[in-house]
């Protein structure tokens, strides 16, 4: 038996801002009735008080955005790696949506761009083959 990823959760100051950014970034709509306290993508109808519905390995995960009282103050301990066929075009699009291009990285023979969402949550963008 192994675990499956059911959900990616972001603690944030404004769930609507961060949820709206990621909704546009990944091309999936926010679930109905998002607010600055709670927003989600793919949560509606997938979770109830007793547990999660079936999670297939190839299915897109659920994304949750929940308001917390404190801002991020240090580097993320866990982050997303996303890919695009044309990273420069995608970086420009994400910046228009509110992301920040933090740094271009070249380490251990790999290259990618370190980005941050509107609240500073870092993620890496690499080239899709």
Protein backbone atom coordinates (compact mmCIF):
# COMPACT_ATOMS: atom_id res chain seq x y z
CA UNK A 1 0.00 0.00 0.00
CA UNK A 2 1.26 3.50 -0.82
CA UNK A 3 -0.09 7.00 -0.37
CA UNK A 4 -1.40 9.12 -3.25
CA UNK A 5 -1.28 12.89 -3.50
CA UNK A 6 -4.86 14.11 -3.16
CA UNK A 7 -4.22 17.79 -2.74
CA UNK A 8 -1.68 20.61 -2.84
CA UNK A 9 -2.34 23.13 -0.06
CA UNK A 10 -1.13 26.74 0.08
CA UNK A 11 -1.25 28.72 3.31
CA UNK A 12 -1.63 32.35 2.31
CA UNK A 13 -2.71 35.79 3.47
CA UNK A 14 -5.29 36.13 0.66
CA UNK A 15 -6.63 32.83 -0.69
CA UNK A 16 -8.47 34.53 -3.54
CA UNK A 17 -5.33 36.26 -4.85
CA UNK A 18 -3.10 33.17 -4.65
CA UNK A 19 -5.87 30.84 -5.84
CA UNK A 20 -6.67 33.15 -8.75
CA UNK A 21 -3.01 33.25 -9.76
CA UNK A 22 -2.64 29.45 -9.77
CA UNK A 23 -6.02 29.00 -11.49
CA UNK A 24 -4.80 31.16 -14.38
CA UNK A 25 -1.31 29.64 -14.31
CA UNK A 26 -2.48 26.02 -14.66
CA UNK A 27 -5.60 26.73 -16.71
CA UNK A 28 -8.12 25.27 -14.26
CA UNK A 29 -11.01 27.30 -12.85
CA UNK A 30 -11.51 28.13 -9.21
CA UNK A 31 -14.35 26.20 -7.60
CA UNK A 32 -17.59 28.11 -6.88
CA UNK A 33 -17.66 30.80 -4.19
CA UNK A 34 -13.95 31.50 -3.62
CA UNK A 35 -13.09 34.10 -1.00
CA UNK A 36 -10.05 35.71 0.57
CA UNK A 37 -10.32 33.09 3.34
CA UNK A 38 -10.64 29.93 1.22
CA UNK A 39 -10.43 29.03 -2.45
CA UNK A 40 -9.96 25.74 -4.26
CA UNK A 41 -9.47 24.08 -7.61
CA UNK A 42 -10.94 20.60 -8.11
CA UNK A 43 -12.12 20.28 -4.50
CA UNK A 44 -15.83 20.64 -5.12
CA UNK A 45 -17.40 17.17 -5.19
CA UNK A 46 -14.14 15.38 -4.44
CA UNK A 47 -14.02 15.68 -0.65
CA UNK A 48 -16.64 15.26 2.05
CA UNK A 49 -16.54 15.10 5.85
CA UNK A 50 -15.62 11.39 5.81
CA UNK A 51 -12.76 11.50 3.28
CA UNK A 52 -11.58 11.95 -0.28
CA UNK A 53 -13.12 10.47 -3.39
CA UNK A 54 -10.96 8.16 -5.52
CA UNK A 55 -7.64 9.66 -6.56
CA UNK A 56 -6.13 8.25 -9.72
CA UNK A 57 -2.39 8.67 -10.23
CA UNK A 58 -2.87 10.42 -13.58
CA UNK A 59 -5.62 12.76 -12.34
CA UNK A 60 -4.95 16.42 -11.72
CA UNK A 61 -4.62 17.05 -7.97
CA UNK A 62 -6.93 19.23 -5.97
CA UNK A 63 -5.50 22.60 -4.96
CA UNK A 64 -6.52 24.37 -1.73
CA UNK A 65 -5.74 27.93 -0.68
CA UNK A 66 -6.39 28.76 2.98
CA UNK A 67 -5.91 32.04 4.78
CA UNK A 68 -3.49 32.00 7.70
CA UNK A 69 -2.58 34.97 9.92
CA UNK A 70 1.15 35.04 9.20
CA UNK A 71 3.09 35.78 6.00
CA UNK A 72 5.81 33.55 4.63
CA UNK A 73 9.12 34.59 6.18
CA UNK A 74 11.69 32.02 5.00
CA UNK A 75 12.35 29.80 2.00
CA UNK A 76 9.70 27.20 1.20
CA UNK A 77 10.60 23.73 2.48
CA UNK A 78 8.47 22.18 -0.28
CA UNK A 79 7.83 23.74 -3.66
CA UNK A 80 6.35 22.98 -7.08
CA UNK A 81 8.34 22.38 -10.23
CA UNK A 82 6.33 23.30 -13.31
CA UNK A 83 7.32 22.97 -16.96
CA UNK A 84 6.55 24.74 -20.24
CA UNK A 85 7.58 24.12 -23.84
CA UNK A 86 8.66 27.78 -24.18
CA UNK A 87 9.81 28.89 -20.71
CA UNK A 88 10.44 32.53 -21.65
CA UNK A 89 6.92 32.96 -23.02
CA UNK A 90 5.47 31.27 -19.94
CA UNK A 91 7.60 33.35 -17.57
CA UNK A 92 6.27 36.53 -19.22
CA UNK A 93 2.69 35.26 -18.89
CA UNK A 94 3.16 34.34 -15.22
CA UNK A 95 4.73 37.74 -14.47
CA UNK A 96 1.66 39.39 -16.06
CA UNK A 97 -0.48 37.30 -13.68
CA UNK A 98 1.47 38.60 -10.66
CA UNK A 99 4.47 36.26 -10.34
CA UNK A 100 8.03 37.46 -9.86
CA UNK A 101 11.05 36.13 -11.73
CA UNK A 102 13.48 35.60 -8.85
CA UNK A 103 16.57 34.06 -10.49
CA UNK A 104 17.77 31.98 -13.39
CA UNK A 105 19.47 28.88 -12.04
CA UNK A 106 22.19 26.64 -13.46
CA UNK A 107 23.17 23.99 -10.94
CA UNK A 108 24.38 20.41 -11.18
CA UNK A 109 24.11 20.58 -14.98
CA UNK A 110 20.42 21.59 -14.92
CA UNK A 111 18.85 24.94 -15.72
CA UNK A 112 15.55 26.42 -14.55
CA UNK A 113 14.02 29.69 -13.41
CA UNK A 114 13.10 30.33 -9.80
CA UNK A 115 9.76 32.15 -9.62
CA UNK A 116 7.49 33.38 -6.82
CA UNK A 117 3.70 33.65 -6.82
CA UNK A 118 1.99 36.90 -5.71
CA UNK A 119 2.63 36.11 -2.01
CA UNK A 120 6.22 35.00 -2.48
CA UNK A 121 5.69 31.22 -2.50
CA UNK A 122 8.56 29.98 -4.63
CA UNK A 123 8.30 27.54 -7.52
CA UNK A 124 10.64 26.43 -10.30
CA UNK A 125 9.87 26.64 -14.01
CA UNK A 126 11.78 24.35 -16.36
CA UNK A 127 11.68 23.44 -20.03
CA UNK A 128 9.36 20.65 -21.16
CA UNK A 129 10.94 18.27 -23.64
